């Protein structure tokens, strides 16, 4: 007999979640985005929330919100990420990301162009931009909650999976 999800140790539960995401999303790579969005739409609501917040967590670890939106500049994916954060009971984080999205939108063309050239070009452009001054406090807010000490977004996933295991299958 297998153990209920809420009884699994953290790492075993994360392994289960990643196995589910990898299995269900294997046919829907991140590009083209339309296919990826179709794959996300087929996930149970809990796995959907986790899949859509993974990129945010990874990009915050690399650089920050500007880098995230340079990588994921499509409004549809941002809407899915916000939906995912809200499903994970992370409304304050969703509000911060939504605020950042509004600030970033006028800069999307420059973000994407600098990012396509190289990460160094992106960093040089971003450091000198007005956007950096606006996003820095939001980056700091998110990092305080999604820090390595808190296991990034995974602490939200673990709490959610234990509270709503039925939403993962």
C-alpha atoms as a PDB file:
ATOM      1  CA  UNK A   1       0.000   0.000   0.000  1.00  0.00           C
ATOM      2  CA  UNK A   2       1.344   3.449  -0.869  1.00  0.00           C
ATOM      3  CA  UNK A   3       1.477   6.276   1.619  1.00  0.00           C
ATOM      4  CA  UNK A   4      -0.978   9.172   1.275  1.00  0.00           C
ATOM      5  CA  UNK A   5       0.642  12.264  -0.218  1.00  0.00           C
ATOM      6  CA  UNK A   6       0.236  14.288   2.974  1.00  0.00           C
ATOM      7  CA  UNK A   7       2.323  11.685   4.851  1.00  0.00           C
ATOM      8  CA  UNK A   8       5.298  11.788   2.478  1.00  0.00           C
ATOM      9  CA  UNK A   9       8.501  13.535   3.561  1.00  0.00           C
ATOM     10  CA  UNK A  10       9.159  16.799   1.706  1.00  0.00           C
ATOM     11  CA  UNK A  11      11.670  15.396  -0.788  1.00  0.00           C
ATOM     12  CA  UNK A  12       9.509  12.364  -1.615  1.00  0.00           C
ATOM     13  CA  UNK A  13       6.520  14.628  -2.186  1.00  0.00           C
ATOM     14  CA  UNK A  14       8.536  16.950  -4.432  1.00  0.00           C
ATOM     15  CA  UNK A  15       9.827  13.918  -6.347  1.00  0.00           C
ATOM     16  CA  UNK A  16       6.232  12.798  -6.864  1.00  0.00           C
ATOM     17  CA  UNK A  17       5.169  16.270  -8.068  1.00  0.00           C
ATOM     18  CA  UNK A  18       8.104  16.547 -10.488  1.00  0.00           C
ATOM     19  CA  UNK A  19       7.454  13.044 -11.824  1.00  0.00           C
ATOM     20  CA  UNK A  20       3.823  13.974 -12.481  1.00  0.00           C
ATOM     21  CA  UNK A  21       4.781  17.256 -14.176  1.00  0.00           C
ATOM     22  CA  UNK A  22       7.500  15.637 -16.294  1.00  0.00           C
ATOM     23  CA  UNK A  23       5.212  12.818 -17.384  1.00  0.00           C
ATOM     24  CA  UNK A  24       2.239  15.028 -18.230  1.00  0.00           C
ATOM     25  CA  UNK A  25       4.164  17.907 -19.844  1.00  0.00           C
ATOM     26  CA  UNK A  26       6.726  15.873 -21.830  1.00  0.00           C
ATOM     27  CA  UNK A  27       4.686  16.280 -25.026  1.00  0.00           C
ATOM     28  CA  UNK A  28       4.311  20.043 -24.492  1.00  0.00           C
ATOM     29  CA  UNK A  29       7.737  21.730 -24.481  1.00  0.00           C
ATOM     30  CA  UNK A  30       8.025  25.425 -23.605  1.00  0.00           C
ATOM     31  CA  UNK A  31       8.276  26.303 -27.295  1.00  0.00           C
ATOM     32  CA  UNK A  32       6.105  26.829 -29.141  1.00  0.00           C
ATOM     33  CA  UNK A  33       4.189  28.587 -26.408  1.00  0.00           C
ATOM     34  CA  UNK A  34       0.787  27.674 -27.845  1.00  0.00           C
ATOM     35  CA  UNK A  35       1.523  23.980 -27.385  1.00  0.00           C
ATOM     36  CA  UNK A  36       2.844  24.553 -23.888  1.00  0.00           C
ATOM     37  CA  UNK A  37      -0.313  26.460 -22.957  1.00  0.00           C
ATOM     38  CA  UNK A  38      -2.422  23.568 -24.312  1.00  0.00           C
ATOM     39  CA  UNK A  39      -0.487  21.181 -22.098  1.00  0.00           C
ATOM     40  CA  UNK A  40      -0.953  23.395 -19.057  1.00  0.00           C
ATOM     41  CA  UNK A  41      -4.690  23.550 -19.713  1.00  0.00           C
ATOM     42  CA  UNK A  42      -4.894  19.757 -19.467  1.00  0.00           C
ATOM     43  CA  UNK A  43      -3.286  19.536 -16.036  1.00  0.00           C
ATOM     44  CA  UNK A  44      -5.262  19.142 -12.829  1.00  0.00           C
ATOM     45  CA  UNK A  45      -5.522  22.516 -11.149  1.00  0.00           C
ATOM     46  CA  UNK A  46      -2.845  21.835  -8.534  1.00  0.00           C
ATOM     47  CA  UNK A  47      -0.267  20.616 -11.047  1.00  0.00           C
ATOM     48  CA  UNK A  48      -1.208  23.525 -13.305  1.00  0.00           C
ATOM     49  CA  UNK A  49      -0.408  25.943 -10.488  1.00  0.00           C
ATOM     50  CA  UNK A  50       2.925  24.268  -9.890  1.00  0.00           C
ATOM     51  CA  UNK A  51       3.891  24.131 -13.557  1.00  0.00           C
ATOM     52  CA  UNK A  52       3.113  27.798 -14.094  1.00  0.00           C
ATOM     53  CA  UNK A  53       5.037  28.977 -11.041  1.00  0.00           C
ATOM     54  CA  UNK A  54       8.166  26.914 -11.709  1.00  0.00           C
ATOM     55  CA  UNK A  55       9.516  29.330 -14.341  1.00  0.00           C
ATOM     56  CA  UNK A  56       9.006  32.295 -12.028  1.00  0.00           C
ATOM     57  CA  UNK A  57      10.948  30.580  -9.262  1.00  0.00           C
ATOM     58  CA  UNK A  58      13.786  29.557 -11.594  1.00  0.00           C
ATOM     59  CA  UNK A  59      14.089  33.025 -13.127  1.00  0.00           C
ATOM     60  CA  UNK A  60      14.091  34.737  -9.734  1.00  0.00           C
ATOM     61  CA  UNK A  61      16.978  32.489  -8.738  1.00  0.00           C
ATOM     62  CA  UNK A  62      18.886  33.447 -11.906  1.00  0.00           C
ATOM     63  CA  UNK A  63      18.308  37.178 -12.029  1.00  0.00           C
ATOM     64  CA  UNK A  64      14.884  38.546 -11.139  1.00  0.00           C
ATOM     65  CA  UNK A  65      11.545  39.666 -12.476  1.00  0.00           C
ATOM     66  CA  UNK A  66      12.970  41.487 -15.499  1.00  0.00           C
ATOM     67  CA  UNK A  67      14.757  38.310 -16.604  1.00  0.00           C
ATOM     68  CA  UNK A  68      11.571  36.306 -16.012  1.00  0.00           C
ATOM     69  CA  UNK A  69       9.515  38.611 -18.210  1.00  0.00           C
ATOM     70  CA  UNK A  70      12.254  38.698 -20.848  1.00  0.00           C
ATOM     71  CA  UNK A  71      11.984  34.898 -21.004  1.00  0.00           C
ATOM     72  CA  UNK A  72       8.185  34.748 -20.655  1.00  0.00           C
ATOM     73  CA  UNK A  73       6.943  37.949 -22.274  1.00  0.00           C
ATOM     74  CA  UNK A  74       3.566  36.613 -23.366  1.00  0.00           C
ATOM     75  CA  UNK A  75       0.552  38.000 -21.495  1.00  0.00           C
ATOM     76  CA  UNK A  76      -1.153  34.590 -21.663  1.00  0.00           C
ATOM     77  CA  UNK A  77       1.644  32.899 -19.729  1.00  0.00           C
ATOM     78  CA  UNK A  78       1.702  35.726 -17.202  1.00  0.00           C
ATOM     79  CA  UNK A  79      -2.039  35.260 -16.695  1.00  0.00           C
ATOM     80  CA  UNK A  80      -1.475  31.528 -16.128  1.00  0.00           C
ATOM     81  CA  UNK A  81       1.307  32.259 -13.632  1.00  0.00           C
ATOM     82  CA  UNK A  82      -0.949  34.644 -11.718  1.00  0.00           C
ATOM     83  CA  UNK A  83      -3.705  32.049 -11.729  1.00  0.00           C
ATOM     84  CA  UNK A  84      -1.212  29.495 -10.418  1.00  0.00           C
ATOM     85  CA  UNK A  85      -0.019  31.723  -7.590  1.00  0.00           C
ATOM     86  CA  UNK A  86      -3.611  32.396  -6.548  1.00  0.00           C
ATOM     87  CA  UNK A  87      -4.424  28.689  -6.620  1.00  0.00           C
ATOM     88  CA  UNK A  88      -1.442  28.136  -4.303  1.00  0.00           C
ATOM     89  CA  UNK A  89      -2.961  30.664  -1.854  1.00  0.00           C
ATOM     90  CA  UNK A  90      -0.170  33.139  -2.604  1.00  0.00           C
ATOM     91  CA  UNK A  91      -2.254  36.241  -3.314  1.00  0.00           C
ATOM     92  CA  UNK A  92       0.396  38.681  -2.036  1.00  0.00           C
ATOM     93  CA  UNK A  93       2.930  37.138  -4.427  1.00  0.00           C
ATOM     94  CA  UNK A  94       0.405  37.261  -7.260  1.00  0.00           C
ATOM     95  CA  UNK A  95      -0.174  40.942  -6.549  1.00  0.00           C
ATOM     96  CA  UNK A  96       3.575  41.627  -6.647  1.00  0.00           C
ATOM     97  CA  UNK A  97       3.985  39.754  -9.957  1.00  0.00           C
ATOM     98  CA  UNK A  98       0.957  41.517 -11.423  1.00  0.00           C
ATOM     99  CA  UNK A  99       2.373  44.901 -10.393  1.00  0.00           C
ATOM    100  CA  UNK A 100       5.717  43.973 -11.955  1.00  0.00           C
ATOM    101  CA  UNK A 101       3.998  42.899 -15.179  1.00  0.00           C
ATOM    102  CA  UNK A 102       2.322  46.301 -15.457  1.00  0.00           C
ATOM    103  CA  UNK A 103       5.685  48.016 -14.965  1.00  0.00           C
ATOM    104  CA  UNK A 104       7.462  45.752 -17.469  1.00  0.00           C
ATOM    105  CA  UNK A 105       4.950  45.899 -20.315  1.00  0.00           C
ATOM    106  CA  UNK A 106       6.277  49.164 -21.849  1.00  0.00           C
ATOM    107  CA  UNK A 107       9.779  47.656 -21.866  1.00  0.00           C
ATOM    108  CA  UNK A 108       8.999  44.218 -23.303  1.00  0.00           C
ATOM    109  CA  UNK A 109      10.529  44.864 -26.727  1.00  0.00           C
ATOM    110  CA  UNK A 110      13.790  46.110 -25.189  1.00  0.00           C
ATOM    111  CA  UNK A 111      13.838  43.280 -22.645  1.00  0.00           C
ATOM    112  CA  UNK A 112      13.383  40.605 -25.269  1.00  0.00           C
ATOM    113  CA  UNK A 113      15.903  42.144 -27.680  1.00  0.00           C
ATOM    114  CA  UNK A 114      18.627  42.492 -25.054  1.00  0.00           C
ATOM    115  CA  UNK A 115      17.955  39.000 -23.754  1.00  0.00           C
ATOM    116  CA  UNK A 116      18.220  37.475 -27.256  1.00  0.00           C
ATOM    117  CA  UNK A 117      21.671  39.015 -27.693  1.00  0.00           C
ATOM    118  CA  UNK A 118      23.159  37.631 -24.471  1.00  0.00           C
ATOM    119  CA  UNK A 119      22.672  37.607 -20.745  1.00  0.00           C
ATOM    120  CA  UNK A 120      25.521  40.152 -20.467  1.00  0.00           C
ATOM    121  CA  UNK A 121      23.749  42.504 -22.891  1.00  0.00           C
ATOM    122  CA  UNK A 122      20.539  42.066 -20.932  1.00  0.00           C
ATOM    123  CA  UNK A 123      22.239  42.780 -17.587  1.00  0.00           C
ATOM    124  CA  UNK A 124      24.001  45.883 -18.970  1.00  0.00           C
ATOM    125  CA  UNK A 125      20.760  47.253 -20.442  1.00  0.00           C
ATOM    126  CA  UNK A 126      18.737  46.451 -17.345  1.00  0.00           C
ATOM    127  CA  UNK A 127      21.203  47.941 -14.822  1.00  0.00           C
ATOM    128  CA  UNK A 128      21.005  51.304 -16.597  1.00  0.00           C
ATOM    129  CA  UNK A 129      17.240  51.284 -17.179  1.00  0.00           C
ATOM    130  CA  UNK A 130      14.543  53.100 -15.255  1.00  0.00           C
ATOM    131  CA  UNK A 131      12.826  49.725 -14.992  1.00  0.00           C
ATOM    132  CA  UNK A 132      15.546  48.431 -12.652  1.00  0.00           C
ATOM    133  CA  UNK A 133      14.743  51.111 -10.099  1.00  0.00           C
ATOM    134  CA  UNK A 134      11.050  50.223 -10.233  1.00  0.00           C
ATOM    135  CA  UNK A 135      11.466  46.439 -10.101  1.00  0.00           C
ATOM    136  CA  UNK A 136      14.192  46.160  -7.468  1.00  0.00           C
ATOM    137  CA  UNK A 137      11.821  46.535  -4.476  1.00  0.00           C
ATOM    138  CA  UNK A 138       9.448  43.964  -6.019  1.00  0.00           C
ATOM    139  CA  UNK A 139      12.337  41.534  -6.613  1.00  0.00           C
ATOM    140  CA  UNK A 140      13.338  41.964  -2.977  1.00  0.00           C
ATOM    141  CA  UNK A 141       9.774  41.299  -1.802  1.00  0.00           C
ATOM    142  CA  UNK A 142       9.536  38.100  -3.829  1.00  0.00           C
ATOM    143  CA  UNK A 143      12.984  36.881  -2.849  1.00  0.00           C
ATOM    144  CA  UNK A 144      12.160  37.331   0.843  1.00  0.00           C
ATOM    145  CA  UNK A 145       9.319  34.819   0.446  1.00  0.00           C
ATOM    146  CA  UNK A 146      10.765  32.598  -2.294  1.00  0.00           C
ATOM    147  CA  UNK A 147      14.257  32.405  -0.841  1.00  0.00           C
ATOM    148  CA  UNK A 148      16.424  29.274  -0.782  1.00  0.00           C
ATOM    149  CA  UNK A 149      15.839  29.082   2.986  1.00  0.00           C
ATOM    150  CA  UNK A 150      12.138  28.719   2.201  1.00  0.00           C
ATOM    151  CA  UNK A 151      12.908  26.300  -0.673  1.00  0.00           C
ATOM    152  CA  UNK A 152      11.713  28.824  -3.241  1.00  0.00           C
ATOM    153  CA  UNK A 153       8.254  28.199  -4.574  1.00  0.00           C
ATOM    154  CA  UNK A 154       8.445  24.591  -3.385  1.00  0.00           C
ATOM    155  CA  UNK A 155       7.282  25.463   0.118  1.00  0.00           C
ATOM    156  CA  UNK A 156       4.043  26.663  -1.474  1.00  0.00           C
ATOM    157  CA  UNK A 157       3.792  23.458  -3.502  1.00  0.00           C
ATOM    158  CA  UNK A 158       4.329  21.249  -0.454  1.00  0.00           C
ATOM    159  CA  UNK A 159       1.734  23.043   1.651  1.00  0.00           C
ATOM    160  CA  UNK A 160      -0.754  22.942  -1.225  1.00  0.00           C
ATOM    161  CA  UNK A 161      -0.167  19.239  -2.001  1.00  0.00           C
ATOM    162  CA  UNK A 162      -0.718  18.310   1.621  1.00  0.00           C
ATOM    163  CA  UNK A 163      -3.863  20.416   1.872  1.00  0.00           C
ATOM    164  CA  UNK A 164      -5.324  19.448  -1.535  1.00  0.00           C
ATOM    165  CA  UNK A 165      -3.834  16.101  -2.677  1.00  0.00           C
ATOM    166  CA  UNK A 166      -6.936  15.448  -4.798  1.00  0.00           C
ATOM    167  CA  UNK A 167      -6.022  18.410  -7.013  1.00  0.00           C
ATOM    168  CA  UNK A 168      -2.837  16.716  -8.202  1.00  0.00           C
ATOM    169  CA  UNK A 169      -4.485  13.859 -10.086  1.00  0.00           C
END
